[in-house]
């Protein structure tokens, strides 16, 4: 007689041979294999490329404990939407804007007016495509796992395939039945976008404003490519081929559109190099710093100092670009011009700039001006982020470039030094939606005499911010505060291909490498701050 634990094992062994136990176990195994096939199929094949209007995306359906939609916008972060219930997550990865698609929209106004309807159709098509891909992958993985587990019992492998498809269909049905389109108004931000509510306000308001601006945005893109055409109507000053042309930019603040504007102008105006007076980023984090790789796409030197939003890590990433010159108190000679510069001593990524901090900034300007005064020959240009640093340079250098206040302004100091404050080349980044009217995209081309290295003239270039289509150029002579010829209207013209460039032999920064960073006549810097600097 069997006793103790051996009796239990004997009972289990006998139960295994009962028909109903075998059937239950077989069904349970089929279900497990089917679930595994559904999970594996979604992981391997539940994704597809989708073109939504001019934007190329990668859409994916993945298993998840709670249903949601995740829109990833690298490098800024993601938006998580509680869009549905069920064990499926829809992920949309925004990858890039199609240049050809944008040009097609610009060329055909009829296509532009139908863009919202087309985007909705593209989204539906993308969802259908990714669902079909997922179903095929789930069926294939379910059948493959079934054949591996059940071998010669084909009908069980087929049954496992059916379970895989049934699980996918049921999950999709739950998602469709519980779909909540209003979830777009209640997103959860992650990454850099976590600051979006405080930066750009209510999501619903933003959605409405984007709807109003969609026509103007396309016009803006068109205008950027036509800026050079306007120069043909600018009278009086005609730079000769030996003139040194410098593109002056500042306060890009993570706006990728700024790079498109800069590329267009650098090419069309044949600039010799670029000077950036800081605030390339908003928070100086690693995802933002990856945008600095855009610097290497310019075929000319790129001189940079840190702004108060740029971390030391930002400066290090910029310094790794092959054409970058990061100034941290030293002098660099670029294409014959001697440039001294130093980053903002503050780091305020939360956008708060204490008034008392100006004492620190002013002291930093005094130290840098002392270095410039002790140098022979003296520098031709000083680059600082905050114009508060400019005063000590009076009579020491002929020109001081700055940014920070997101508004163009220039004035002459008593000793003859010109202070030249650039607006925001990034339209103040995410804050473009916060101001009324939106902050314009601003930069300037400065013209220097190669023999004397003196500033002769400059062109102020303004592209309307979000919500506008205007683009204008105003030319100023260094001896005259009035614009020459007034604003130039936008001219519809196919842009010509830009010239090619090689780095000049004078691209050799001196000193140690850094470790870690519209125009109005205004005789003084007083009253220039309308709000805290960026």
Protein backbone atom coordinates (compact mmCIF):
# COMPACT_ATOMS: atom_id res chain seq x y z
CA UNK A 1 0.00 0.00 0.00
CA UNK A 2 1.41 3.42 -0.95
CA UNK A 3 1.51 5.95 1.88
CA UNK A 4 2.73 9.50 2.54
CA UNK A 5 3.77 11.82 -0.25
CA UNK A 6 4.15 8.94 -2.69
CA UNK A 7 0.37 8.50 -2.56
CA UNK A 8 -0.11 12.08 -3.84
CA UNK A 9 2.33 11.55 -6.70
CA UNK A 10 0.62 8.30 -7.58
CA UNK A 11 -2.77 10.03 -7.62
CA UNK A 12 -1.44 12.76 -9.88
CA UNK A 13 0.07 10.21 -12.23
CA UNK A 14 -3.27 8.40 -12.49
CA UNK A 15 -5.12 11.70 -13.04
CA UNK A 16 -2.87 12.55 -15.96
CA UNK A 17 -4.24 9.61 -17.83
CA UNK A 18 -7.86 10.72 -17.44
CA UNK A 19 -9.25 12.13 -20.73
CA UNK A 20 -10.68 15.35 -19.29
CA UNK A 21 -7.35 16.21 -17.62
CA UNK A 22 -5.44 15.63 -20.84
CA UNK A 23 -7.90 17.79 -22.77
CA UNK A 24 -7.74 20.63 -20.22
CA UNK A 25 -3.95 20.56 -20.18
CA UNK A 26 -3.83 20.51 -23.97
CA UNK A 27 -6.17 23.49 -24.23
CA UNK A 28 -4.19 25.40 -21.60
CA UNK A 29 -0.95 24.76 -23.50
CA UNK A 30 -2.53 25.94 -26.75
CA UNK A 31 -3.66 29.15 -25.03
CA UNK A 32 -0.20 29.74 -23.53
CA UNK A 33 1.50 29.16 -26.90
CA UNK A 34 -1.05 31.47 -28.57
CA UNK A 35 -0.42 34.23 -26.03
CA UNK A 36 3.33 33.83 -26.46
CA UNK A 37 2.92 33.99 -30.24
CA UNK A 38 0.85 37.19 -29.97
CA UNK A 39 3.45 38.84 -27.72
CA UNK A 40 6.38 37.78 -29.90
CA UNK A 41 4.60 38.80 -33.11
CA UNK A 42 3.89 42.31 -31.80
CA UNK A 43 7.46 42.72 -30.66
CA UNK A 44 8.95 41.60 -33.98
CA UNK A 45 6.49 42.82 -36.56
CA UNK A 46 3.98 45.18 -34.96
CA UNK A 47 5.42 48.31 -36.53
CA UNK A 48 5.41 50.16 -39.85
CA UNK A 49 6.66 53.42 -41.35
CA UNK A 50 3.90 55.98 -41.85
CA UNK A 51 4.00 59.30 -43.69
CA UNK A 52 1.58 61.72 -42.00
CA UNK A 53 1.49 64.82 -44.16
CA UNK A 54 5.11 65.97 -44.55
CA UNK A 55 6.22 64.13 -41.40
CA UNK A 56 7.78 60.67 -41.51
CA UNK A 57 6.94 58.54 -38.49
CA UNK A 58 7.35 55.00 -37.24
CA UNK A 59 4.14 53.57 -35.74
CA UNK A 60 4.09 50.50 -33.52
CA UNK A 61 1.54 48.40 -31.64
CA UNK A 62 3.02 46.82 -28.54
CA UNK A 63 1.71 44.76 -25.63
CA UNK A 64 1.24 46.80 -22.45
CA UNK A 65 -0.47 46.53 -19.10
CA UNK A 66 -2.57 49.62 -19.75
CA UNK A 67 -3.72 51.08 -23.03
CA UNK A 68 -2.14 54.39 -24.04
CA UNK A 69 -0.73 56.32 -26.98
CA UNK A 70 2.86 57.58 -26.77
CA UNK A 71 4.09 60.25 -29.20
CA UNK A 72 7.89 60.52 -29.08
CA UNK A 73 9.53 63.69 -30.36
CA UNK A 74 13.28 63.21 -30.03
CA UNK A 75 15.25 64.80 -28.50
CA UNK A 76 12.60 66.75 -26.60
CA UNK A 77 10.78 63.82 -24.99
CA UNK A 78 7.31 62.36 -25.36
CA UNK A 79 3.61 62.90 -24.79
CA UNK A 80 1.68 60.06 -23.15
CA UNK A 81 -2.07 60.01 -23.82
CA UNK A 82 -4.63 57.89 -21.96
CA UNK A 83 -6.36 57.31 -25.28
CA UNK A 84 -7.91 53.87 -24.75
CA UNK A 85 -8.18 50.77 -22.57
CA UNK A 86 -6.86 47.31 -23.22
CA UNK A 87 -3.46 45.59 -23.27
CA UNK A 88 -2.09 47.48 -26.30
CA UNK A 89 0.10 50.57 -26.56
CA UNK A 90 0.26 52.67 -29.74
CA UNK A 91 3.65 54.34 -30.18
CA UNK A 92 4.30 57.05 -32.76
CA UNK A 93 7.96 58.02 -33.22
CA UNK A 94 8.40 61.32 -35.08
CA UNK A 95 11.50 60.86 -37.21
CA UNK A 96 11.90 63.67 -39.72
CA UNK A 97 10.23 66.27 -41.90
CA UNK A 98 10.25 65.42 -45.58
CA UNK A 99 11.82 68.29 -47.51
CA UNK A 100 10.30 67.12 -50.78
CA UNK A 101 6.82 66.97 -49.25
CA UNK A 102 7.18 70.50 -47.86
CA UNK A 103 8.28 71.84 -51.25
CA UNK A 104 5.31 70.14 -52.89
CA UNK A 105 2.92 71.74 -50.39
CA UNK A 106 4.45 75.16 -50.97
CA UNK A 107 4.23 74.81 -54.73
CA UNK A 108 0.55 73.84 -54.68
CA UNK A 109 -1.77 76.00 -52.51
CA UNK A 110 -4.57 73.53 -53.12
CA UNK A 111 -2.53 70.80 -51.47
CA UNK A 112 -1.82 73.08 -48.54
CA UNK A 113 -5.49 73.83 -47.87
CA UNK A 114 -6.24 70.12 -47.87
CA UNK A 115 -3.37 69.25 -45.53
CA UNK A 116 -5.50 68.61 -42.38
CA UNK A 117 -7.81 66.19 -44.20
CA UNK A 118 -4.86 64.50 -45.83
CA UNK A 119 -3.08 64.13 -42.48
CA UNK A 120 -6.20 62.48 -41.02
CA UNK A 121 -6.31 60.06 -43.97
CA UNK A 122 -2.60 59.35 -43.60
CA UNK A 123 -3.07 58.61 -39.91
CA UNK A 124 -5.89 56.16 -40.61
CA UNK A 125 -3.84 54.53 -43.35
CA UNK A 126 -0.87 54.25 -41.00
CA UNK A 127 -2.99 52.61 -38.31
CA UNK A 128 -4.41 50.12 -40.81
CA UNK A 129 -0.94 49.34 -42.15
CA UNK A 130 0.56 48.73 -38.73
CA UNK A 131 -2.48 46.62 -37.74
CA UNK A 132 -2.06 44.43 -40.85
CA UNK A 133 1.66 44.07 -40.17
CA UNK A 134 0.89 43.13 -36.58
CA UNK A 135 -1.72 40.55 -37.61
CA UNK A 136 0.64 38.89 -40.09
CA UNK A 137 3.49 38.83 -37.58
CA UNK A 138 1.24 37.50 -34.80
CA UNK A 139 -0.13 34.73 -37.03
CA UNK A 140 3.35 33.76 -38.22
CA UNK A 141 4.81 33.68 -34.70
CA UNK A 142 1.81 31.81 -33.31
CA UNK A 143 2.09 29.14 -36.02
CA UNK A 144 5.88 28.87 -35.67
CA UNK A 145 5.73 28.45 -31.89
CA UNK A 146 2.87 25.97 -32.30
CA UNK A 147 4.91 23.84 -34.69
CA UNK A 148 7.90 23.93 -32.36
CA UNK A 149 5.87 22.95 -29.28
CA UNK A 150 3.33 20.54 -30.80
CA UNK A 151 5.46 19.21 -33.68
CA UNK A 152 3.33 16.72 -35.61
CA UNK A 153 0.01 17.82 -34.09
CA UNK A 154 -0.66 20.39 -36.79
CA UNK A 155 -4.18 21.11 -35.66
CA UNK A 156 -2.88 22.29 -32.27
CA UNK A 157 -0.38 24.62 -33.99
CA UNK A 158 -3.24 26.01 -36.09
CA UNK A 159 -5.33 26.41 -32.94
CA UNK A 160 -2.50 28.32 -31.25
CA UNK A 161 -2.37 30.60 -34.30
CA UNK A 162 -6.09 31.20 -33.92
CA UNK A 163 -5.61 32.09 -30.27
CA UNK A 164 -2.87 34.59 -31.18
CA UNK A 165 -5.11 36.30 -33.72
CA UNK A 166 -8.10 36.23 -31.39
CA UNK A 167 -6.09 37.91 -28.63
CA UNK A 168 -4.94 40.63 -31.04
CA UNK A 169 -8.48 41.14 -32.39
CA UNK A 170 -9.99 41.31 -28.91
CA UNK A 171 -7.38 43.77 -27.71
CA UNK A 172 -7.89 45.93 -30.80
CA UNK A 173 -11.65 45.79 -30.34
CA UNK A 174 -11.35 46.99 -26.75
CA UNK A 175 -9.07 49.83 -27.85
CA UNK A 176 -11.48 50.90 -30.60
CA UNK A 177 -14.52 50.70 -28.34
CA UNK A 178 -12.89 52.78 -25.59
CA UNK A 179 -11.05 55.28 -27.83
CA UNK A 180 -11.06 58.76 -26.29
CA UNK A 181 -10.07 61.48 -28.78
CA UNK A 182 -10.17 64.16 -26.06
CA UNK A 183 -7.14 62.58 -24.42
CA UNK A 184 -5.02 64.88 -26.62
CA UNK A 185 -6.05 67.74 -24.32
CA UNK A 186 -4.78 65.94 -21.19
CA UNK A 187 -1.30 64.66 -22.07
CA UNK A 188 1.43 63.60 -19.68
CA UNK A 189 4.81 65.02 -20.65
CA UNK A 190 8.15 63.28 -20.15
CA UNK A 191 11.72 64.32 -20.92
CA UNK A 192 12.35 67.95 -21.84
CA UNK A 193 8.68 68.37 -22.68
CA UNK A 194 7.90 68.02 -18.97
CA UNK A 195 8.21 71.80 -18.83
CA UNK A 196 5.85 72.33 -21.75
CA UNK A 197 2.72 73.27 -19.76
CA UNK A 198 4.55 76.10 -17.99
CA UNK A 199 6.35 77.13 -21.17
CA UNK A 200 3.57 77.21 -23.71
CA UNK A 201 0.35 77.15 -21.74
CA UNK A 202 -2.83 75.18 -22.15
CA UNK A 203 -2.65 72.31 -24.64
CA UNK A 204 -6.08 73.01 -26.07
CA UNK A 205 -5.14 76.63 -26.75
CA UNK A 206 -1.96 75.47 -28.49
CA UNK A 207 -3.90 73.05 -30.68
CA UNK A 208 -6.27 75.83 -31.70
CA UNK A 209 -3.42 78.19 -32.47
CA UNK A 210 -1.59 75.61 -34.52
CA UNK A 211 -4.75 75.13 -36.53
CA UNK A 212 -4.86 78.85 -37.22
CA UNK A 213 -1.18 78.98 -38.13
CA UNK A 214 -0.89 76.01 -40.47
CA UNK A 215 -1.11 78.18 -43.61
CA UNK A 216 1.35 80.72 -42.27
CA UNK A 217 3.88 78.07 -41.27
CA UNK A 218 4.09 76.80 -44.82
CA UNK A 219 4.53 80.37 -46.04
CA UNK A 220 7.29 80.88 -43.51
CA UNK A 221 9.21 77.89 -44.85
CA UNK A 222 8.86 79.29 -48.34
CA UNK A 223 10.10 82.72 -47.31
CA UNK A 224 13.24 81.36 -45.70
CA UNK A 225 14.38 79.94 -49.02
CA UNK A 226 13.86 83.29 -50.79
CA UNK A 227 15.62 85.72 -48.48
CA UNK A 228 18.59 86.20 -50.74
CA UNK A 229 16.39 87.38 -53.60
CA UNK A 230 15.58 90.53 -51.63
CA UNK A 231 19.22 91.69 -51.58
CA UNK A 232 19.05 92.66 -55.24
CA UNK A 233 16.98 95.73 -54.22
CA UNK A 234 19.28 96.92 -51.45
CA UNK A 235 21.04 100.13 -52.58
CA UNK A 236 24.17 102.06 -51.55
CA UNK A 237 26.43 99.36 -50.08
CA UNK A 238 27.84 96.64 -52.34
CA UNK A 239 30.41 94.45 -50.58
CA UNK A 240 33.33 93.38 -52.74
CA UNK A 241 34.42 89.72 -52.92
CA UNK A 242 37.13 90.31 -50.30
CA UNK A 243 34.65 91.51 -47.68
CA UNK A 244 34.45 89.27 -44.61
CA UNK A 245 30.83 88.23 -44.07
CA UNK A 246 29.84 86.99 -40.62
CA UNK A 247 26.47 85.48 -39.72
CA UNK A 248 25.53 86.69 -36.22
CA UNK A 249 23.05 84.42 -34.36
CA UNK A 250 21.93 83.98 -30.77
CA UNK A 251 19.36 82.27 -28.52
CA UNK A 252 18.44 79.31 -30.72
CA UNK A 253 16.78 77.63 -27.71
CA UNK A 254 16.43 74.13 -29.20
CA UNK A 255 14.44 75.30 -32.24
CA UNK A 256 15.41 72.99 -35.15
CA UNK A 257 13.88 75.47 -37.62
CA UNK A 258 16.72 77.87 -36.79
CA UNK A 259 19.23 75.56 -38.48
CA UNK A 260 17.24 75.66 -41.72
CA UNK A 261 17.19 79.46 -41.65
CA UNK A 262 20.91 79.62 -40.89
CA UNK A 263 21.81 77.17 -43.64
CA UNK A 264 19.82 79.16 -46.17
CA UNK A 265 21.44 82.46 -45.20
CA UNK A 266 24.95 81.05 -44.83
CA UNK A 267 24.72 79.67 -48.34
CA UNK A 268 22.92 82.52 -50.07
CA UNK A 269 24.98 85.27 -48.45
CA UNK A 270 28.28 83.36 -48.79
CA UNK A 271 29.23 83.95 -45.15
CA UNK A 272 32.82 83.28 -44.06
CA UNK A 273 31.93 82.11 -40.57
CA UNK A 274 29.22 82.16 -37.87
CA UNK A 275 29.23 83.71 -34.38
CA UNK A 276 26.73 82.37 -31.82
CA UNK A 277 26.42 84.35 -28.59
CA UNK A 278 24.79 81.55 -26.61
CA UNK A 279 21.62 79.85 -25.39
CA UNK A 280 21.81 77.06 -27.90
CA UNK A 281 19.62 75.02 -25.51
CA UNK A 282 16.93 75.58 -22.89
CA UNK A 283 18.21 73.33 -20.11
CA UNK A 284 21.67 72.16 -21.21
CA UNK A 285 20.75 68.47 -20.95
CA UNK A 286 22.22 65.55 -22.89
CA UNK A 287 19.23 65.13 -25.29
CA UNK A 288 19.31 68.85 -26.13
CA UNK A 289 23.08 68.86 -26.51
CA UNK A 290 22.77 66.33 -29.33
CA UNK A 291 21.40 69.20 -31.43
CA UNK A 292 24.92 70.66 -31.40
CA UNK A 293 25.83 68.08 -34.04
CA UNK A 294 24.05 70.37 -36.51
CA UNK A 295 27.06 72.68 -36.22
CA UNK A 296 29.25 70.29 -38.21
CA UNK A 297 26.84 70.53 -41.16
CA UNK A 298 28.11 74.06 -41.87
CA UNK A 299 31.16 74.27 -44.11
CA UNK A 300 32.44 77.34 -42.25
CA UNK A 301 33.86 77.93 -38.73
CA UNK A 302 31.31 78.28 -35.92
CA UNK A 303 32.37 80.51 -32.99
CA UNK A 304 30.37 79.84 -29.81
CA UNK A 305 30.08 81.01 -26.21
CA UNK A 306 27.76 79.60 -23.54
CA UNK A 307 24.53 81.36 -22.62
CA UNK A 308 22.87 81.17 -19.22
CA UNK A 309 20.78 78.21 -20.47
CA UNK A 310 23.80 76.25 -21.75
CA UNK A 311 25.56 73.86 -19.39
CA UNK A 312 29.29 73.12 -19.34
CA UNK A 313 28.37 69.83 -21.02
CA UNK A 314 26.75 71.85 -23.83
CA UNK A 315 30.06 73.65 -24.43
CA UNK A 316 31.96 70.35 -24.44
CA UNK A 317 29.63 68.86 -27.07
CA UNK A 318 29.95 71.99 -29.22
CA UNK A 319 33.75 71.88 -28.88
CA UNK A 320 33.78 68.33 -30.26
CA UNK A 321 32.37 69.55 -33.59
CA UNK A 322 35.22 69.78 -36.13
CA UNK A 323 34.45 73.35 -37.22
CA UNK A 324 33.62 74.78 -33.77
CA UNK A 325 35.58 77.37 -31.79
CA UNK A 326 34.33 77.58 -28.19
CA UNK A 327 35.62 80.67 -26.41
CA UNK A 328 36.10 80.66 -22.65
CA UNK A 329 38.16 83.77 -22.05
CA UNK A 330 40.69 83.30 -24.84
CA UNK A 331 41.19 84.91 -28.25
CA UNK A 332 40.70 83.11 -31.56
CA UNK A 333 41.64 84.33 -35.02
CA UNK A 334 39.04 83.33 -37.59
CA UNK A 335 39.48 84.40 -41.21
CA UNK A 336 41.63 87.35 -40.16
CA UNK A 337 39.34 88.67 -37.39
CA UNK A 338 40.56 88.45 -33.78
CA UNK A 339 37.68 87.47 -31.49
CA UNK A 340 37.60 87.32 -27.69
CA UNK A 341 34.67 85.81 -25.84
CA UNK A 342 33.46 84.16 -22.67
CA UNK A 343 30.24 82.40 -21.68
CA UNK A 344 27.67 83.66 -19.20
CA UNK A 345 28.89 82.95 -15.63
CA UNK A 346 25.36 81.90 -14.61
CA UNK A 347 23.49 78.70 -15.37
CA UNK A 348 19.74 79.25 -15.02
CA UNK A 349 17.91 76.53 -16.99
CA UNK A 350 14.67 77.25 -15.13
CA UNK A 351 14.45 80.60 -16.98
CA UNK A 352 14.84 82.66 -13.81
CA UNK A 353 17.53 85.33 -14.10
CA UNK A 354 17.98 87.10 -10.79
CA UNK A 355 18.50 90.86 -10.98
CA UNK A 356 21.37 90.49 -8.48
CA UNK A 357 23.01 88.15 -10.96
CA UNK A 358 23.81 91.14 -13.17
CA UNK A 359 26.56 92.10 -10.70
CA UNK A 360 28.25 88.76 -11.38
CA UNK A 361 27.81 89.24 -15.11
CA UNK A 362 29.17 92.80 -15.05
CA UNK A 363 32.23 91.63 -13.09
CA UNK A 364 32.84 88.89 -15.68
CA UNK A 365 32.69 91.54 -18.42
CA UNK A 366 35.27 93.66 -16.59
CA UNK A 367 37.68 90.73 -16.31
CA UNK A 368 37.32 89.84 -19.99
CA UNK A 369 37.73 93.49 -21.05
CA UNK A 370 40.95 93.66 -19.00
CA UNK A 371 42.31 90.67 -20.93
CA UNK A 372 41.35 92.35 -24.22
CA UNK A 373 42.99 95.64 -23.16
CA UNK A 374 46.25 93.88 -22.34
CA UNK A 375 46.42 92.15 -25.72
CA UNK A 376 48.35 93.56 -28.68
CA UNK A 377 46.94 93.93 -31.20
CA UNK A 378 43.58 94.22 -29.46
CA UNK A 379 40.68 91.97 -30.55
CA UNK A 380 38.37 93.14 -33.31
CA UNK A 381 35.24 91.64 -31.74
CA UNK A 382 34.18 90.75 -28.19
CA UNK A 383 31.39 88.18 -27.79
CA UNK A 384 29.33 88.00 -24.58
CA UNK A 385 25.88 86.62 -23.86
CA UNK A 386 24.33 89.32 -21.68
CA UNK A 387 24.73 92.94 -22.90
CA UNK A 388 25.31 93.95 -19.27
CA UNK A 389 28.90 92.82 -19.89
CA UNK A 390 29.43 95.28 -22.76
CA UNK A 391 30.22 98.57 -20.96
CA UNK A 392 33.81 97.72 -19.86
CA UNK A 393 34.78 97.13 -23.51
CA UNK A 394 34.21 100.78 -24.46
CA UNK A 395 37.31 102.00 -26.26
CA UNK A 396 38.94 98.58 -25.98
CA UNK A 397 37.33 96.80 -28.95
CA UNK A 398 35.33 98.36 -31.78
CA UNK A 399 32.43 95.87 -31.63
CA UNK A 400 30.67 93.83 -28.92
CA UNK A 401 28.19 91.10 -29.92
CA UNK A 402 25.57 89.88 -27.42
CA UNK A 403 22.11 88.31 -27.20
CA UNK A 404 20.02 87.16 -24.22
CA UNK A 405 17.13 89.67 -24.33
CA UNK A 406 15.45 88.21 -27.47
CA UNK A 407 15.21 91.63 -29.07
CA UNK A 408 17.49 93.38 -31.55
CA UNK A 409 19.04 96.64 -30.43
CA UNK A 410 22.33 98.48 -31.06
CA UNK A 411 23.94 101.52 -29.53
CA UNK A 412 27.27 103.35 -29.44
CA UNK A 413 29.16 103.68 -26.16
CA UNK A 414 30.83 107.05 -25.38
CA UNK A 415 34.26 105.77 -26.47
CA UNK A 416 32.95 104.71 -29.89
CA UNK A 417 32.46 100.97 -29.27
CA UNK A 418 29.31 99.61 -30.88
CA UNK A 419 27.17 97.18 -28.86
CA UNK A 420 25.25 94.87 -31.19
CA UNK A 421 22.54 92.77 -29.49
CA UNK A 422 20.98 90.04 -31.59
CA UNK A 423 17.38 88.82 -31.29
CA UNK A 424 16.42 85.15 -30.98
CA UNK A 425 17.46 83.13 -34.03
CA UNK A 426 15.27 80.33 -32.67
CA UNK A 427 12.22 82.55 -32.20
CA UNK A 428 12.79 81.92 -28.44
CA UNK A 429 12.26 78.18 -28.96
CA UNK A 430 9.25 76.65 -27.19
CA UNK A 431 8.32 80.07 -25.89
CA UNK A 432 7.39 81.15 -29.43
CA UNK A 433 3.80 80.26 -28.56
CA UNK A 434 3.85 82.23 -25.34
CA UNK A 435 4.40 85.74 -26.61
CA UNK A 436 1.92 87.93 -28.47
CA UNK A 437 2.85 88.35 -31.24
CA UNK A 438 5.14 85.30 -31.41
CA UNK A 439 8.86 86.04 -31.24
CA UNK A 440 10.34 86.43 -34.75
CA UNK A 441 13.36 84.54 -36.03
CA UNK A 442 16.20 87.05 -36.24
CA UNK A 443 19.82 87.04 -37.36
CA UNK A 444 22.19 89.41 -39.15
CA UNK A 445 24.96 89.34 -41.74
CA UNK A 446 27.84 91.61 -40.74
CA UNK A 447 30.25 92.97 -43.37
CA UNK A 448 33.88 93.69 -42.37
CA UNK A 449 36.61 95.31 -44.43
CA UNK A 450 39.37 92.72 -44.78
CA UNK A 451 42.17 95.27 -44.70
CA UNK A 452 41.05 97.35 -41.71
CA UNK A 453 38.91 94.62 -40.04
CA UNK A 454 36.28 97.30 -39.28
CA UNK A 455 32.52 96.79 -39.48
CA UNK A 456 31.22 98.47 -42.66
CA UNK A 457 27.55 97.51 -42.74
CA UNK A 458 25.06 94.83 -41.75
CA UNK A 459 21.84 93.27 -42.97
CA UNK A 460 19.17 92.56 -40.38
CA UNK A 461 17.13 89.54 -41.47
CA UNK A 462 13.74 88.89 -39.87
CA UNK A 463 11.42 85.98 -40.53
CA UNK A 464 8.02 86.31 -38.86
CA UNK A 465 7.44 84.03 -35.91
CA UNK A 466 4.74 81.40 -35.62
CA UNK A 467 1.57 82.84 -37.10
CA UNK A 468 3.15 85.14 -39.70
CA UNK A 469 4.56 84.87 -43.20
CA UNK A 470 6.54 88.09 -43.59
CA UNK A 471 10.27 88.11 -44.24
CA UNK A 472 12.30 91.28 -44.58
CA UNK A 473 15.85 92.55 -44.81
CA UNK A 474 17.04 95.95 -43.65
CA UNK A 475 20.51 97.20 -44.48
CA UNK A 476 22.43 99.56 -42.19
CA UNK A 477 25.74 101.33 -42.67
CA UNK A 478 28.08 101.44 -39.70
CA UNK A 479 28.15 105.24 -40.01
CA UNK A 480 24.36 105.60 -40.13
CA UNK A 481 21.68 104.38 -37.74
CA UNK A 482 18.94 104.54 -40.38
CA UNK A 483 18.09 101.53 -42.54
CA UNK A 484 19.13 101.90 -46.16
CA UNK A 485 16.23 101.53 -48.55
CA UNK A 486 13.72 100.48 -45.89
CA UNK A 487 12.20 97.02 -45.52
CA UNK A 488 12.39 94.89 -48.63
CA UNK A 489 9.28 92.93 -49.62
CA UNK A 490 9.42 89.19 -49.99
CA UNK A 491 10.15 88.21 -53.58
CA UNK A 492 8.90 84.97 -55.05
CA UNK A 493 11.94 83.43 -56.66
CA UNK A 494 13.43 79.97 -56.98
CA UNK A 495 16.59 79.98 -54.85
CA UNK A 496 19.87 79.40 -56.59
CA UNK A 497 22.27 76.73 -55.33
CA UNK A 498 24.67 77.97 -52.69
CA UNK A 499 28.44 78.03 -53.09
CA UNK A 500 30.83 75.52 -51.55
CA UNK A 501 33.24 76.43 -48.79
CA UNK A 502 36.57 75.41 -47.32
CA UNK A 503 37.79 76.28 -43.85
CA UNK A 504 40.28 79.13 -43.86
CA UNK A 505 43.88 78.53 -42.66
CA UNK A 506 43.31 81.16 -39.96
CA UNK A 507 40.80 78.87 -38.25
CA UNK A 508 43.11 78.25 -35.29
CA UNK A 509 41.79 79.15 -31.84
CA UNK A 510 44.48 80.38 -29.50
CA UNK A 511 44.71 79.57 -25.82
CA UNK A 512 43.63 76.39 -24.04
CA UNK A 513 40.58 74.48 -25.14
CA UNK A 514 37.52 75.19 -22.99
CA UNK A 515 36.89 72.58 -20.40
CA UNK A 516 33.28 72.49 -20.36
CA UNK A 517 29.16 77.00 -21.78
CA UNK A 518 13.48 94.61 -35.07
CA UNK A 519 16.69 96.67 -34.90
CA UNK A 520 16.11 100.02 -33.23
CA UNK A 521 18.42 102.98 -32.71
CA UNK A 522 19.02 103.21 -28.98
CA UNK A 523 21.82 105.39 -27.67
CA UNK A 524 22.03 103.53 -24.37
CA UNK A 525 21.09 100.18 -22.91
CA UNK A 526 18.63 101.72 -20.48
CA UNK A 527 15.14 100.31 -20.60
CA UNK A 528 16.08 97.56 -23.00
CA UNK A 529 14.73 94.71 -20.84
CA UNK A 530 11.05 94.11 -21.42
CA UNK A 531 11.19 90.83 -19.47
CA UNK A 532 13.82 88.53 -17.95
CA UNK A 533 16.36 87.35 -20.45
CA UNK A 534 16.24 83.91 -22.00
